[in-house]
Amino acid sequence: MTQIFNQKWSQERRRKLRNRPTKAERLLWFYLKGKQVLGVTFRRQYNIGGYIVDFYVPTLRLVVEVDGAYHDLPEVRQYDHDRTAYFTGLGLRVIRFANEAVFADIDNVLNRLRQELVFRMTPPLLKRGIKGASEPRRGDLPG
C-alpha cells in the first residue's frame, strides 16, 4: 500500500509552514498543543496525500482547517471542496474554522472541537442509539 501520510517529499514544506504559521493557526495551536483538549494529540501541518492540512488528529481521523478570507474566492472554494472530498473518501472528517472565528470567539471554536472529539471517541453503538448500548435508564437501576 502506498504511504499517503507525511510523505518524504513534503517534509521541508511542512517544516516551513510550522515555522511560519498564520496568526489564527498560532492562536489555535496555543490551545491544542500538549494534549490540552481532552488529552488528544493534534499534529500541525500534516501531509495527507498531495495536501498539507493545518491540524490533524490521527487517532480520530480528524482534519482541522483554519481558513482566511482567501478561502472565500470561488476558485479556492472549489479547491477546498475537492480537497474535502478527497479526505472524506479516505474516511476522514474535516472541520473548518474561519480566522475571524478563532480571533473573535476562541472559546466557541474550542467547544466545537471538543464536541467533535467526543463524538469521534464515542463507540459506534452509542452513536447509532442501539438499544442496550446506551446508559441505563433510571427504571433499570437497582434499588
Protein backbone atom coordinates (compact mmCIF):
# COMPACT_ATOMS: atom_id res chain seq x y z
CA MET A 1 0.00 0.00 0.00
CA THR A 2 1.25 3.46 -0.86
CA GLN A 3 2.00 5.70 2.07
CA ILE A 4 -0.20 8.80 1.98
CA PHE A 5 0.57 10.31 5.39
CA ASN A 6 3.58 12.60 5.94
CA GLN A 7 5.35 11.67 2.75
CA LYS A 8 9.04 12.49 2.47
CA TRP A 9 8.56 14.98 -0.40
CA SER A 10 6.51 17.27 1.85
CA GLN A 11 8.88 17.31 4.83
CA GLU A 12 10.62 20.62 4.06
CA ARG A 13 7.35 22.34 3.09
CA ARG A 14 5.67 21.14 6.32
CA ARG A 15 8.61 22.43 8.36
CA LYS A 16 8.37 25.86 6.71
CA LEU A 17 4.63 26.01 7.35
CA ARG A 18 5.13 25.06 11.01
CA ASN A 19 7.78 27.75 11.41
CA ARG A 20 5.59 30.43 9.78
CA PRO A 21 2.00 29.82 10.89
CA THR A 22 -0.75 32.33 10.31
CA LYS A 23 -1.82 34.32 13.38
CA ALA A 24 -5.02 32.26 13.61
CA GLU A 25 -3.10 28.98 13.40
CA ARG A 26 -0.66 30.19 16.05
CA LEU A 27 -3.50 31.13 18.40
CA LEU A 28 -5.37 27.85 17.92
CA TRP A 29 -2.15 25.84 18.33
CA PHE A 30 -1.55 27.56 21.68
CA TYR A 31 -4.72 25.79 22.91
CA LEU A 32 -4.26 22.47 21.08
CA LYS A 33 -0.64 21.61 21.77
CA GLY A 34 0.40 19.33 24.59
CA LYS A 35 -2.86 17.36 24.71
CA GLN A 36 -4.69 20.28 26.34
CA VAL A 37 -8.02 19.44 24.72
CA LEU A 38 -9.43 16.21 26.17
CA GLY A 39 -5.95 14.66 26.19
CA VAL A 40 -5.95 14.40 22.39
CA THR A 41 -2.75 14.73 20.35
CA PHE A 42 -3.03 17.19 17.46
CA ARG A 43 -0.41 17.30 14.71
CA ARG A 44 0.42 20.54 12.89
CA GLN A 45 0.95 20.86 9.15
CA TYR A 46 0.34 17.19 8.49
CA ASN A 47 0.62 15.72 4.99
CA ILE A 48 -2.24 13.60 3.66
CA GLY A 49 -1.88 12.55 0.04
CA GLY A 50 -0.98 15.59 -2.01
CA TYR A 51 -2.21 18.01 0.64
CA ILE A 52 -0.92 19.54 3.85
CA VAL A 53 -3.58 20.16 6.48
CA ASP A 54 -3.37 22.71 9.30
CA PHE A 55 -4.10 20.24 12.13
CA TYR A 56 -4.75 16.52 12.22
CA VAL A 57 -5.73 14.01 14.91
CA PRO A 58 -4.52 10.65 13.58
CA THR A 59 -6.22 8.54 16.27
CA LEU A 60 -9.63 10.04 15.45
CA ARG A 61 -9.06 10.68 11.73
CA LEU A 62 -10.00 14.33 12.15
CA VAL A 63 -8.72 17.20 9.99
CA VAL A 64 -9.00 20.76 11.32
CA GLU A 65 -8.53 23.66 8.91
CA VAL A 66 -8.29 27.37 9.71
CA ASP A 67 -9.33 29.47 6.73
CA GLY A 68 -8.68 33.12 5.97
CA ALA A 69 -10.59 35.39 3.59
CA TYR A 70 -8.59 33.89 0.71
CA HIS A 71 -10.76 30.78 1.01
CA ASP A 72 -13.83 32.82 0.01
CA LEU A 73 -12.61 33.13 -3.58
CA PRO A 74 -14.61 30.90 -5.97
CA GLU A 75 -11.58 29.00 -7.31
CA VAL A 76 -10.28 28.40 -3.78
CA ARG A 77 -13.72 27.23 -2.64
CA GLN A 78 -13.67 24.62 -5.42
CA TYR A 79 -10.15 23.55 -4.43
CA ASP A 80 -11.25 23.25 -0.77
CA HIS A 81 -14.31 21.28 -1.86
CA ASP A 82 -12.18 18.83 -3.88
CA ARG A 83 -9.74 18.52 -1.01
CA THR A 84 -12.50 17.81 1.48
CA ALA A 85 -13.98 15.20 -0.88
CA TYR A 86 -10.58 13.51 -1.07
CA PHE A 87 -10.26 13.42 2.73
CA THR A 88 -13.83 12.19 3.15
CA GLY A 89 -13.07 9.42 0.65
CA LEU A 90 -10.30 8.30 3.00
CA GLY A 91 -12.76 8.15 5.89
CA LEU A 92 -11.54 11.40 7.46
CA ARG A 93 -13.75 14.10 8.96
CA VAL A 94 -12.94 17.73 8.12
CA ILE A 95 -13.95 20.74 10.20
CA ARG A 96 -13.17 24.29 9.13
CA PHE A 97 -12.99 27.46 11.15
CA ALA A 98 -12.68 30.96 9.76
CA ASN A 99 -9.78 33.04 11.03
CA GLU A 100 -12.32 35.53 12.36
CA ALA A 101 -13.97 32.86 14.49
CA VAL A 102 -10.62 31.89 16.02
CA PHE A 103 -9.86 35.53 16.89
CA ALA A 104 -13.34 36.62 17.96
CA ASP A 105 -14.52 33.58 19.92
CA ILE A 106 -11.79 31.04 20.60
CA ASP A 107 -13.92 29.51 23.38
CA ASN A 108 -16.66 28.64 20.89
CA VAL A 109 -14.10 27.18 18.47
CA LEU A 110 -12.63 25.03 21.26
CA ASN A 111 -16.10 23.94 22.41
CA ARG A 112 -16.99 22.92 18.84
CA LEU A 113 -13.73 20.97 18.65
CA ARG A 114 -14.45 19.26 21.98
CA GLN A 115 -17.90 18.24 20.73
CA GLU A 116 -16.40 16.75 17.59
CA LEU A 117 -13.69 14.95 19.56
CA VAL A 118 -16.21 13.46 21.98
CA PHE A 119 -18.37 12.33 19.08
CA ARG A 120 -15.36 10.75 17.33
CA MET A 121 -14.37 8.99 20.59
CA THR A 122 -17.88 7.64 21.24
CA PRO A 123 -18.26 3.94 20.44
CA PRO A 124 -20.26 3.34 17.24
CA LEU A 125 -23.11 1.55 19.03
CA LEU A 126 -23.76 4.59 21.20
CA LYS A 127 -23.73 6.87 18.15
CA ARG A 128 -26.42 4.78 16.49
CA GLY A 129 -28.54 4.65 19.62
CA ILE A 130 -28.88 0.87 19.51
CA LYS A 131 -30.95 -0.39 22.44
CA GLY A 132 -28.82 -1.83 25.18
CA ALA A 133 -25.78 0.18 24.10
CA SER A 134 -26.69 3.36 25.95
CA GLU A 135 -26.56 4.34 29.61
CA PRO A 136 -29.15 2.54 31.75
CA ARG A 137 -32.43 4.39 32.33
CA ARG A 138 -33.50 5.29 35.84
CA GLY A 139 -36.02 2.46 35.94
CA ASP A 140 -33.29 -0.02 35.01
CA LEU A 141 -31.16 0.78 38.04
CA PRO A 142 -31.44 -1.44 41.10
CA GLY A 143 -32.94 -0.10 44.31
